[in-house]
């Protein structure tokens, strides 16, 4: 096996001294190695002069097989190494990547073969702080920078905010609604991981009354009963469809930023790899859609 890298390097006429240097060995050692391989195979593998060598037809055939063996060995060693590393524990609240969640993760699995362990904690940032997960998919509109102290924020894309309104509410028949129209009804806000809050309204005097709910089911129930409206990311439409709730575009709401967040100190080795992959995948998949508008770079 140790001779295979030596032999696989000699498919074209080469200077012996150059090849030996590339393999971090000496010319005499290289010559002895080739001679040993010829003794083992019983075939002439290399034609030589005092300064050059090139492979015979048998040598070319053996070199091709050696390269194939080395490639398969490298792949196998890589897969064993990945099995010994802990999976990337990824957590999110609400919607994940919406309708792109499964295709994106399937593409990751096919390209990287590195395990991703999924969870949906009530508060992804709290789970990240307590090291229950390695990376969190977060949405905040407007952003909350103080929550990200000590973490790297790797933006993936932005998406639209939508309003969630009871299906029998007269506003549900509109094509779009405004923040002013939503302010007529109390706003249900998730206690642990709200996508949007009353801070969306620039004038506190015009913002709606808010009350907190414990999770998605309670949020949807209050909205379906007409007791509240909700504001959420567009991806929620895919994950939480119900006949009792209508989702409408908001004409004057800002986009919400979707980011992968992970610790600045001792991050999981695959965290930024996954972020980069997700960013590229979504850019390619949604390149003809407006929104989202794609963001680049990493924020510390």
C-alpha atoms as a PDB file:
ATOM      1  CA  UNK A   1       0.000   0.000   0.000  1.00  0.00           C
ATOM      2  CA  UNK A   2       2.813   2.386   0.761  1.00  0.00           C
ATOM      3  CA  UNK A   3       4.125   1.862  -2.780  1.00  0.00           C
ATOM      4  CA  UNK A   4       0.869   2.878  -4.465  1.00  0.00           C
ATOM      5  CA  UNK A   5       1.315   6.660  -4.161  1.00  0.00           C
ATOM      6  CA  UNK A   6       4.826   6.307  -5.550  1.00  0.00           C
ATOM      7  CA  UNK A   7       3.674   4.330  -8.540  1.00  0.00           C
ATOM      8  CA  UNK A   8       0.487   6.284  -9.228  1.00  0.00           C
ATOM      9  CA  UNK A   9       2.542   9.420  -9.819  1.00  0.00           C
ATOM     10  CA  UNK A  10       4.428   8.141 -12.857  1.00  0.00           C
ATOM     11  CA  UNK A  11       1.910   8.012 -15.701  1.00  0.00           C
ATOM     12  CA  UNK A  12       3.838  10.388 -17.967  1.00  0.00           C
ATOM     13  CA  UNK A  13       7.563  10.668 -18.770  1.00  0.00           C
ATOM     14  CA  UNK A  14       9.168  12.263 -15.745  1.00  0.00           C
ATOM     15  CA  UNK A  15      12.567  13.221 -14.416  1.00  0.00           C
ATOM     16  CA  UNK A  16      13.385  10.820 -11.614  1.00  0.00           C
ATOM     17  CA  UNK A  17      14.796  13.493  -9.320  1.00  0.00           C
ATOM     18  CA  UNK A  18      11.700  15.694  -9.684  1.00  0.00           C
ATOM     19  CA  UNK A  19       9.290  12.830  -8.999  1.00  0.00           C
ATOM     20  CA  UNK A  20      11.323  11.727  -5.990  1.00  0.00           C
ATOM     21  CA  UNK A  21      11.238  15.252  -4.571  1.00  0.00           C
ATOM     22  CA  UNK A  22       7.467  15.498  -5.078  1.00  0.00           C
ATOM     23  CA  UNK A  23       7.043  12.242  -3.148  1.00  0.00           C
ATOM     24  CA  UNK A  24       9.385  13.454  -0.403  1.00  0.00           C
ATOM     25  CA  UNK A  25      11.866  10.648  -1.016  1.00  0.00           C
ATOM     26  CA  UNK A  26      15.202  10.134  -2.767  1.00  0.00           C
ATOM     27  CA  UNK A  27      15.917   8.961  -6.284  1.00  0.00           C
ATOM     28  CA  UNK A  28      17.574   5.693  -5.118  1.00  0.00           C
ATOM     29  CA  UNK A  29      14.589   4.929  -2.890  1.00  0.00           C
ATOM     30  CA  UNK A  30      12.212   5.605  -5.778  1.00  0.00           C
ATOM     31  CA  UNK A  31      14.183   3.295  -8.057  1.00  0.00           C
ATOM     32  CA  UNK A  32      14.219   0.514  -5.445  1.00  0.00           C
ATOM     33  CA  UNK A  33      10.471   0.878  -4.908  1.00  0.00           C
ATOM     34  CA  UNK A  34       9.750   0.526  -8.629  1.00  0.00           C
ATOM     35  CA  UNK A  35      12.087  -2.475  -8.831  1.00  0.00           C
ATOM     36  CA  UNK A  36      10.284  -4.139  -5.916  1.00  0.00           C
ATOM     37  CA  UNK A  37       6.924  -3.615  -7.593  1.00  0.00           C
ATOM     38  CA  UNK A  38       8.235  -5.195 -10.793  1.00  0.00           C
ATOM     39  CA  UNK A  39       9.486  -8.188  -8.817  1.00  0.00           C
ATOM     40  CA  UNK A  40       6.098  -8.567  -7.123  1.00  0.00           C
ATOM     41  CA  UNK A  41       4.086  -8.301 -10.364  1.00  0.00           C
ATOM     42  CA  UNK A  42       6.516 -10.179 -12.579  1.00  0.00           C
ATOM     43  CA  UNK A  43       6.091  -7.527 -15.261  1.00  0.00           C
ATOM     44  CA  UNK A  44       8.122  -4.644 -16.549  1.00  0.00           C
ATOM     45  CA  UNK A  45       6.284  -1.570 -15.386  1.00  0.00           C
ATOM     46  CA  UNK A  46       8.712   1.235 -16.178  1.00  0.00           C
ATOM     47  CA  UNK A  47      11.081   2.057 -19.017  1.00  0.00           C
ATOM     48  CA  UNK A  48      14.107   3.979 -17.759  1.00  0.00           C
ATOM     49  CA  UNK A  49      17.022   6.015 -18.923  1.00  0.00           C
ATOM     50  CA  UNK A  50      19.670   7.413 -16.626  1.00  0.00           C
ATOM     51  CA  UNK A  51      17.544  10.496 -16.006  1.00  0.00           C
ATOM     52  CA  UNK A  52      13.952   9.756 -17.075  1.00  0.00           C
ATOM     53  CA  UNK A  53      11.332   7.065 -16.724  1.00  0.00           C
ATOM     54  CA  UNK A  54       7.896   6.366 -18.230  1.00  0.00           C
ATOM     55  CA  UNK A  55       5.313   3.664 -17.732  1.00  0.00           C
ATOM     56  CA  UNK A  56       4.818   0.650 -19.936  1.00  0.00           C
ATOM     57  CA  UNK A  57       1.287  -0.500 -20.860  1.00  0.00           C
ATOM     58  CA  UNK A  58       1.303  -2.785 -17.802  1.00  0.00           C
ATOM     59  CA  UNK A  59       2.567   0.115 -15.731  1.00  0.00           C
ATOM     60  CA  UNK A  60      -0.200   2.430 -16.930  1.00  0.00           C
ATOM     61  CA  UNK A  61      -2.835  -0.186 -16.095  1.00  0.00           C
ATOM     62  CA  UNK A  62      -1.419  -0.713 -12.607  1.00  0.00           C
ATOM     63  CA  UNK A  63      -1.129   3.043 -12.009  1.00  0.00           C
ATOM     64  CA  UNK A  64      -4.792   3.563 -12.865  1.00  0.00           C
ATOM     65  CA  UNK A  65      -5.815   0.804 -10.458  1.00  0.00           C
ATOM     66  CA  UNK A  66      -3.552   2.258  -7.770  1.00  0.00           C
ATOM     67  CA  UNK A  67      -5.159   5.688  -8.100  1.00  0.00           C
ATOM     68  CA  UNK A  68      -8.623   4.142  -7.845  1.00  0.00           C
ATOM     69  CA  UNK A  69      -7.645   2.217  -4.708  1.00  0.00           C
ATOM     70  CA  UNK A  70      -6.173   5.320  -3.110  1.00  0.00           C
ATOM     71  CA  UNK A  71      -9.292   7.371  -3.907  1.00  0.00           C
ATOM     72  CA  UNK A  72     -11.584   4.747  -2.386  1.00  0.00           C
ATOM     73  CA  UNK A  73      -9.328   4.463   0.650  1.00  0.00           C
ATOM     74  CA  UNK A  74      -9.404   8.243   1.137  1.00  0.00           C
ATOM     75  CA  UNK A  75     -13.209   8.274   0.887  1.00  0.00           C
ATOM     76  CA  UNK A  76     -13.476   5.438   3.383  1.00  0.00           C
ATOM     77  CA  UNK A  77     -11.133   7.077   5.875  1.00  0.00           C
ATOM     78  CA  UNK A  78     -13.081  10.314   5.516  1.00  0.00           C
ATOM     79  CA  UNK A  79     -16.414   8.602   6.187  1.00  0.00           C
ATOM     80  CA  UNK A  80     -14.986   6.835   9.251  1.00  0.00           C
ATOM     81  CA  UNK A  81     -13.690  10.154  10.540  1.00  0.00           C
ATOM     82  CA  UNK A  82     -17.115  11.777  10.120  1.00  0.00           C
ATOM     83  CA  UNK A  83     -18.800   8.958  12.044  1.00  0.00           C
ATOM     84  CA  UNK A  84     -16.491   9.626  14.964  1.00  0.00           C
ATOM     85  CA  UNK A  85     -17.407  13.328  15.056  1.00  0.00           C
ATOM     86  CA  UNK A  86     -20.587  14.457  16.816  1.00  0.00           C
ATOM     87  CA  UNK A  87     -23.511  15.452  14.570  1.00  0.00           C
ATOM     88  CA  UNK A  88     -24.331  19.095  13.993  1.00  0.00           C
ATOM     89  CA  UNK A  89     -27.275  19.732  16.319  1.00  0.00           C
ATOM     90  CA  UNK A  90     -29.476  22.270  14.563  1.00  0.00           C
ATOM     91  CA  UNK A  91     -32.450  23.865  16.275  1.00  0.00           C
ATOM     92  CA  UNK A  92     -35.186  26.234  15.157  1.00  0.00           C
ATOM     93  CA  UNK A  93     -38.558  27.496  16.243  1.00  0.00           C
ATOM     94  CA  UNK A  94     -41.632  27.788  14.080  1.00  0.00           C
ATOM     95  CA  UNK A  95     -40.779  27.156  10.457  1.00  0.00           C
ATOM     96  CA  UNK A  96     -37.195  26.099   9.796  1.00  0.00           C
ATOM     97  CA  UNK A  97     -36.537  26.705   6.095  1.00  0.00           C
ATOM     98  CA  UNK A  98     -40.239  26.359   5.275  1.00  0.00           C
ATOM     99  CA  UNK A  99     -40.913  24.402   2.098  1.00  0.00           C
ATOM    100  CA  UNK A 100     -37.171  24.215   1.458  1.00  0.00           C
ATOM    101  CA  UNK A 101     -36.361  22.382   4.708  1.00  0.00           C
ATOM    102  CA  UNK A 102     -36.480  18.814   3.406  1.00  0.00           C
ATOM    103  CA  UNK A 103     -34.899  19.478  -0.040  1.00  0.00           C
ATOM    104  CA  UNK A 104     -32.094  21.508   1.545  1.00  0.00           C
ATOM    105  CA  UNK A 105     -31.287  18.829   4.114  1.00  0.00           C
ATOM    106  CA  UNK A 106     -31.444  16.111   1.451  1.00  0.00           C
ATOM    107  CA  UNK A 107     -28.994  18.087  -0.687  1.00  0.00           C
ATOM    108  CA  UNK A 108     -26.696  18.554   2.325  1.00  0.00           C
ATOM    109  CA  UNK A 109     -26.781  14.831   3.063  1.00  0.00           C
ATOM    110  CA  UNK A 110     -25.955  13.989  -0.536  1.00  0.00           C
ATOM    111  CA  UNK A 111     -23.092  16.471  -0.855  1.00  0.00           C
ATOM    112  CA  UNK A 112     -21.523  16.358   2.606  1.00  0.00           C
ATOM    113  CA  UNK A 113     -22.727  13.119   4.236  1.00  0.00           C
ATOM    114  CA  UNK A 114     -22.271  14.793   7.613  1.00  0.00           C
ATOM    115  CA  UNK A 115     -25.083  14.034  10.078  1.00  0.00           C
ATOM    116  CA  UNK A 116     -27.397  16.854  11.149  1.00  0.00           C
ATOM    117  CA  UNK A 117     -29.535  16.303  14.234  1.00  0.00           C
ATOM    118  CA  UNK A 118     -32.729  18.362  14.136  1.00  0.00           C
ATOM    119  CA  UNK A 119     -34.772  19.724  17.020  1.00  0.00           C
ATOM    120  CA  UNK A 120     -37.395  22.390  17.590  1.00  0.00           C
ATOM    121  CA  UNK A 121     -36.783  23.881  21.032  1.00  0.00           C
ATOM    122  CA  UNK A 122     -39.235  26.466  22.321  1.00  0.00           C
ATOM    123  CA  UNK A 123     -36.381  28.976  22.539  1.00  0.00           C
ATOM    124  CA  UNK A 124     -33.497  28.157  20.161  1.00  0.00           C
ATOM    125  CA  UNK A 125     -31.190  30.849  21.574  1.00  0.00           C
ATOM    126  CA  UNK A 126     -31.720  29.573  25.104  1.00  0.00           C
ATOM    127  CA  UNK A 127     -30.984  26.042  23.899  1.00  0.00           C
ATOM    128  CA  UNK A 128     -27.818  27.340  22.242  1.00  0.00           C
ATOM    129  CA  UNK A 129     -26.697  29.132  25.404  1.00  0.00           C
ATOM    130  CA  UNK A 130     -27.140  25.928  27.402  1.00  0.00           C
ATOM    131  CA  UNK A 131     -25.278  23.900  24.727  1.00  0.00           C
ATOM    132  CA  UNK A 132     -28.294  21.734  23.947  1.00  0.00           C
ATOM    133  CA  UNK A 133     -27.755  22.542  20.271  1.00  0.00           C
ATOM    134  CA  UNK A 134     -24.747  23.647  18.204  1.00  0.00           C
ATOM    135  CA  UNK A 135     -26.464  26.167  15.923  1.00  0.00           C
ATOM    136  CA  UNK A 136     -29.803  27.954  15.854  1.00  0.00           C
ATOM    137  CA  UNK A 137     -31.843  29.205  12.937  1.00  0.00           C
ATOM    138  CA  UNK A 138     -33.233  32.543  14.091  1.00  0.00           C
ATOM    139  CA  UNK A 139     -35.603  35.213  12.778  1.00  0.00           C
ATOM    140  CA  UNK A 140     -36.160  38.609  14.364  1.00  0.00           C
ATOM    141  CA  UNK A 141     -37.898  41.666  12.942  1.00  0.00           C
ATOM    142  CA  UNK A 142     -36.679  44.114  14.010  1.00  0.00           C
ATOM    143  CA  UNK A 143     -33.331  42.448  14.903  1.00  0.00           C
ATOM    144  CA  UNK A 144     -32.248  42.089  18.522  1.00  0.00           C
ATOM    145  CA  UNK A 145     -28.430  42.514  18.455  1.00  0.00           C
ATOM    146  CA  UNK A 146     -27.992  42.223  22.234  1.00  0.00           C
ATOM    147  CA  UNK A 147     -29.261  38.654  22.119  1.00  0.00           C
ATOM    148  CA  UNK A 148     -26.352  37.702  19.865  1.00  0.00           C
ATOM    149  CA  UNK A 149     -23.466  38.864  22.069  1.00  0.00           C
ATOM    150  CA  UNK A 150     -20.818  36.140  22.034  1.00  0.00           C
ATOM    151  CA  UNK A 151     -22.224  34.498  18.910  1.00  0.00           C
ATOM    152  CA  UNK A 152     -21.542  34.606  15.195  1.00  0.00           C
ATOM    153  CA  UNK A 153     -24.521  35.500  13.047  1.00  0.00           C
ATOM    154  CA  UNK A 154     -24.233  34.044   9.557  1.00  0.00           C
ATOM    155  CA  UNK A 155     -27.035  35.533   7.402  1.00  0.00           C
ATOM    156  CA  UNK A 156     -28.701  33.146   4.972  1.00  0.00           C
ATOM    157  CA  UNK A 157     -31.450  35.192   3.315  1.00  0.00           C
ATOM    158  CA  UNK A 158     -34.381  37.471   4.043  1.00  0.00           C
ATOM    159  CA  UNK A 159     -38.044  36.689   3.624  1.00  0.00           C
ATOM    160  CA  UNK A 160     -41.325  38.552   3.814  1.00  0.00           C
ATOM    161  CA  UNK A 161     -43.436  38.943   6.913  1.00  0.00           C
ATOM    162  CA  UNK A 162     -47.068  37.876   6.627  1.00  0.00           C
ATOM    163  CA  UNK A 163     -50.135  38.489   8.760  1.00  0.00           C
ATOM    164  CA  UNK A 164     -52.102  35.615  10.271  1.00  0.00           C
ATOM    165  CA  UNK A 165     -55.809  36.482  10.536  1.00  0.00           C
ATOM    166  CA  UNK A 166     -58.934  34.485  11.353  1.00  0.00           C
ATOM    167  CA  UNK A 167     -60.429  33.032   8.182  1.00  0.00           C
ATOM    168  CA  UNK A 168     -63.821  34.639   8.941  1.00  0.00           C
ATOM    169  CA  UNK A 169     -62.298  38.075   9.598  1.00  0.00           C
ATOM    170  CA  UNK A 170     -63.353  40.579   6.870  1.00  0.00           C
ATOM    171  CA  UNK A 171     -59.689  41.514   6.397  1.00  0.00           C
ATOM    172  CA  UNK A 172     -58.904  37.975   5.241  1.00  0.00           C
ATOM    173  CA  UNK A 173     -60.506  38.755   1.862  1.00  0.00           C
ATOM    174  CA  UNK A 174     -58.002  41.518   1.159  1.00  0.00           C
ATOM    175  CA  UNK A 175     -54.985  40.963  -1.094  1.00  0.00           C
ATOM    176  CA  UNK A 176     -52.682  42.684   1.405  1.00  0.00           C
ATOM    177  CA  UNK A 177     -52.992  44.372   4.798  1.00  0.00           C
ATOM    178  CA  UNK A 178     -51.062  47.207   6.402  1.00  0.00           C
ATOM    179  CA  UNK A 179     -49.610  47.463   9.884  1.00  0.00           C
ATOM    180  CA  UNK A 180     -52.263  50.070  10.668  1.00  0.00           C
ATOM    181  CA  UNK A 181     -55.022  47.635   9.738  1.00  0.00           C
ATOM    182  CA  UNK A 182     -53.478  44.945  11.929  1.00  0.00           C
ATOM    183  CA  UNK A 183     -53.193  47.327  14.881  1.00  0.00           C
ATOM    184  CA  UNK A 184     -56.983  47.242  15.255  1.00  0.00           C
ATOM    185  CA  UNK A 185     -56.708  43.796  16.889  1.00  0.00           C
ATOM    186  CA  UNK A 186     -54.454  42.558  19.722  1.00  0.00           C
ATOM    187  CA  UNK A 187     -51.207  41.001  18.540  1.00  0.00           C
ATOM    188  CA  UNK A 188     -50.344  37.496  19.764  1.00  0.00           C
ATOM    189  CA  UNK A 189     -46.603  37.212  20.424  1.00  0.00           C
ATOM    190  CA  UNK A 190     -44.718  34.014  21.245  1.00  0.00           C
ATOM    191  CA  UNK A 191     -43.172  34.171  24.696  1.00  0.00           C
ATOM    192  CA  UNK A 192     -39.906  32.429  23.832  1.00  0.00           C
ATOM    193  CA  UNK A 193     -39.064  32.975  20.152  1.00  0.00           C
ATOM    194  CA  UNK A 194     -41.141  35.747  18.575  1.00  0.00           C
ATOM    195  CA  UNK A 195     -40.457  36.543  14.945  1.00  0.00           C
ATOM    196  CA  UNK A 196     -42.039  39.991  15.251  1.00  0.00           C
ATOM    197  CA  UNK A 197     -43.262  42.215  18.088  1.00  0.00           C
ATOM    198  CA  UNK A 198     -45.006  45.570  18.525  1.00  0.00           C
ATOM    199  CA  UNK A 199     -41.607  47.176  17.863  1.00  0.00           C
ATOM    200  CA  UNK A 200     -42.510  46.906  14.166  1.00  0.00           C
ATOM    201  CA  UNK A 201     -44.676  49.985  14.640  1.00  0.00           C
ATOM    202  CA  UNK A 202     -42.454  53.054  14.667  1.00  0.00           C
ATOM    203  CA  UNK A 203     -44.979  55.030  16.712  1.00  0.00           C
ATOM    204  CA  UNK A 204     -45.818  53.350  20.047  1.00  0.00           C
ATOM    205  CA  UNK A 205     -49.133  55.219  20.037  1.00  0.00           C
ATOM    206  CA  UNK A 206     -50.136  53.348  16.890  1.00  0.00           C
ATOM    207  CA  UNK A 207     -48.937  49.892  17.938  1.00  0.00           C
ATOM    208  CA  UNK A 208     -51.479  47.245  18.980  1.00  0.00           C
ATOM    209  CA  UNK A 209     -51.996  45.780  22.394  1.00  0.00           C
ATOM    210  CA  UNK A 210     -49.991  42.567  22.710  1.00  0.00           C
ATOM    211  CA  UNK A 211     -50.256  39.425  24.762  1.00  0.00           C
ATOM    212  CA  UNK A 212     -47.943  36.442  24.931  1.00  0.00           C
ATOM    213  CA  UNK A 213     -48.639  32.829  24.053  1.00  0.00           C
ATOM    214  CA  UNK A 214     -46.640  29.748  24.953  1.00  0.00           C
ATOM    215  CA  UNK A 215     -46.240  28.279  21.486  1.00  0.00           C
ATOM    216  CA  UNK A 216     -47.497  27.779  17.951  1.00  0.00           C
ATOM    217  CA  UNK A 217     -50.686  25.876  18.806  1.00  0.00           C
ATOM    218  CA  UNK A 218     -51.846  28.519  21.273  1.00  0.00           C
ATOM    219  CA  UNK A 219     -50.910  31.258  18.794  1.00  0.00           C
ATOM    220  CA  UNK A 220     -52.989  29.674  16.030  1.00  0.00           C
ATOM    221  CA  UNK A 221     -55.957  29.042  18.343  1.00  0.00           C
ATOM    222  CA  UNK A 222     -56.227  32.664  19.496  1.00  0.00           C
ATOM    223  CA  UNK A 223     -55.979  33.839  15.890  1.00  0.00           C
ATOM    224  CA  UNK A 224     -58.558  31.341  14.609  1.00  0.00           C
ATOM    225  CA  UNK A 225     -60.995  32.498  17.302  1.00  0.00           C
ATOM    226  CA  UNK A 226     -60.563  36.099  16.195  1.00  0.00           C
ATOM    227  CA  UNK A 227     -59.056  37.107  19.525  1.00  0.00           C
ATOM    228  CA  UNK A 228     -55.764  38.183  17.975  1.00  0.00           C
ATOM    229  CA  UNK A 229     -53.764  38.592  14.815  1.00  0.00           C
ATOM    230  CA  UNK A 230     -50.231  37.354  14.318  1.00  0.00           C
ATOM    231  CA  UNK A 231     -47.189  38.415  12.337  1.00  0.00           C
ATOM    232  CA  UNK A 232     -44.798  35.713  11.225  1.00  0.00           C
ATOM    233  CA  UNK A 233     -42.294  34.758   8.543  1.00  0.00           C
ATOM    234  CA  UNK A 234     -43.518  33.570   5.168  1.00  0.00           C
ATOM    235  CA  UNK A 235     -42.089  30.090   5.825  1.00  0.00           C
ATOM    236  CA  UNK A 236     -44.735  29.569   8.521  1.00  0.00           C
ATOM    237  CA  UNK A 237     -47.357  29.245   5.784  1.00  0.00           C
ATOM    238  CA  UNK A 238     -45.796  25.963   4.672  1.00  0.00           C
ATOM    239  CA  UNK A 239     -45.465  24.460   8.146  1.00  0.00           C
ATOM    240  CA  UNK A 240     -48.681  25.622   9.797  1.00  0.00           C
ATOM    241  CA  UNK A 241     -51.523  25.564   7.305  1.00  0.00           C
ATOM    242  CA  UNK A 242     -55.026  25.498   8.799  1.00  0.00           C
ATOM    243  CA  UNK A 243     -58.432  26.265   7.325  1.00  0.00           C
ATOM    244  CA  UNK A 244     -59.246  28.544  10.271  1.00  0.00           C
ATOM    245  CA  UNK A 245     -56.376  30.977   9.629  1.00  0.00           C
ATOM    246  CA  UNK A 246     -55.553  33.064   6.549  1.00  0.00           C
ATOM    247  CA  UNK A 247     -52.079  34.377   5.767  1.00  0.00           C
ATOM    248  CA  UNK A 248     -51.787  37.725   3.971  1.00  0.00           C
ATOM    249  CA  UNK A 249     -48.819  39.801   2.760  1.00  0.00           C
ATOM    250  CA  UNK A 250     -48.156  42.958   4.784  1.00  0.00           C
ATOM    251  CA  UNK A 251     -47.709  45.927   2.478  1.00  0.00           C
ATOM    252  CA  UNK A 252     -45.490  48.046   4.732  1.00  0.00           C
ATOM    253  CA  UNK A 253     -43.632  45.530   6.895  1.00  0.00           C
ATOM    254  CA  UNK A 254     -39.853  45.121   6.604  1.00  0.00           C
ATOM    255  CA  UNK A 255     -38.333  41.824   5.586  1.00  0.00           C
ATOM    256  CA  UNK A 256     -37.180  39.453   8.286  1.00  0.00           C
ATOM    257  CA  UNK A 257     -33.581  38.291   8.340  1.00  0.00           C
ATOM    258  CA  UNK A 258     -32.952  34.558   8.617  1.00  0.00           C
ATOM    259  CA  UNK A 259     -29.555  33.647  10.085  1.00  0.00           C
ATOM    260  CA  UNK A 260     -27.650  30.700  11.435  1.00  0.00           C
ATOM    261  CA  UNK A 261     -26.250  31.587  14.852  1.00  0.00           C
ATOM    262  CA  UNK A 262     -23.499  29.658  16.629  1.00  0.00           C
ATOM    263  CA  UNK A 263     -20.921  30.331  19.370  1.00  0.00           C
ATOM    264  CA  UNK A 264     -17.909  32.471  18.544  1.00  0.00           C
ATOM    265  CA  UNK A 265     -15.771  30.365  20.895  1.00  0.00           C
ATOM    266  CA  UNK A 266     -15.337  26.687  20.044  1.00  0.00           C
ATOM    267  CA  UNK A 267     -18.059  26.462  17.388  1.00  0.00           C
ATOM    268  CA  UNK A 268     -19.003  23.118  15.913  1.00  0.00           C
ATOM    269  CA  UNK A 269     -16.595  22.517  12.981  1.00  0.00           C
ATOM    270  CA  UNK A 270     -19.509  22.112  10.564  1.00  0.00           C
ATOM    271  CA  UNK A 271     -21.522  25.170  11.655  1.00  0.00           C
ATOM    272  CA  UNK A 272     -20.196  27.671   9.122  1.00  0.00           C
ATOM    273  CA  UNK A 273     -19.869  24.928   6.492  1.00  0.00           C
ATOM    274  CA  UNK A 274     -23.602  24.330   6.852  1.00  0.00           C
ATOM    275  CA  UNK A 275     -24.341  28.063   6.805  1.00  0.00           C
ATOM    276  CA  UNK A 276     -22.351  28.526   3.598  1.00  0.00           C
ATOM    277  CA  UNK A 277     -24.038  25.523   2.016  1.00  0.00           C
ATOM    278  CA  UNK A 278     -27.499  26.742   3.016  1.00  0.00           C
ATOM    279  CA  UNK A 279     -26.806  30.235   1.708  1.00  0.00           C
ATOM    280  CA  UNK A 280     -25.606  28.903  -1.656  1.00  0.00           C
ATOM    281  CA  UNK A 281     -28.448  26.388  -1.913  1.00  0.00           C
ATOM    282  CA  UNK A 282     -31.143  28.970  -1.217  1.00  0.00           C
ATOM    283  CA  UNK A 283     -29.555  31.520  -3.541  1.00  0.00           C
ATOM    284  CA  UNK A 284     -29.614  28.973  -6.341  1.00  0.00           C
ATOM    285  CA  UNK A 285     -33.104  27.702  -5.547  1.00  0.00           C
ATOM    286  CA  UNK A 286     -34.738  31.083  -5.077  1.00  0.00           C
ATOM    287  CA  UNK A 287     -32.695  33.184  -7.490  1.00  0.00           C
ATOM    288  CA  UNK A 288     -35.787  33.976  -9.568  1.00  0.00           C
ATOM    289  CA  UNK A 289     -37.904  34.969  -6.551  1.00  0.00           C
ATOM    290  CA  UNK A 290     -38.320  38.508  -5.187  1.00  0.00           C
ATOM    291  CA  UNK A 291     -38.289  38.476  -2.226  1.00  0.00           C
ATOM    292  CA  UNK A 292     -36.204  37.023  -0.685  1.00  0.00           C
ATOM    293  CA  UNK A 293     -33.264  39.369  -1.068  1.00  0.00           C
ATOM    294  CA  UNK A 294     -30.073  37.544  -0.304  1.00  0.00           C
ATOM    295  CA  UNK A 295     -27.490  38.631   2.209  1.00  0.00           C
ATOM    296  CA  UNK A 296     -23.816  37.797   2.235  1.00  0.00           C
ATOM    297  CA  UNK A 297     -21.034  37.633   4.764  1.00  0.00           C
ATOM    298  CA  UNK A 298     -20.781  36.786   8.421  1.00  0.00           C
ATOM    299  CA  UNK A 299     -21.425  39.012  11.391  1.00  0.00           C
ATOM    300  CA  UNK A 300     -19.464  38.659  14.601  1.00  0.00           C
END
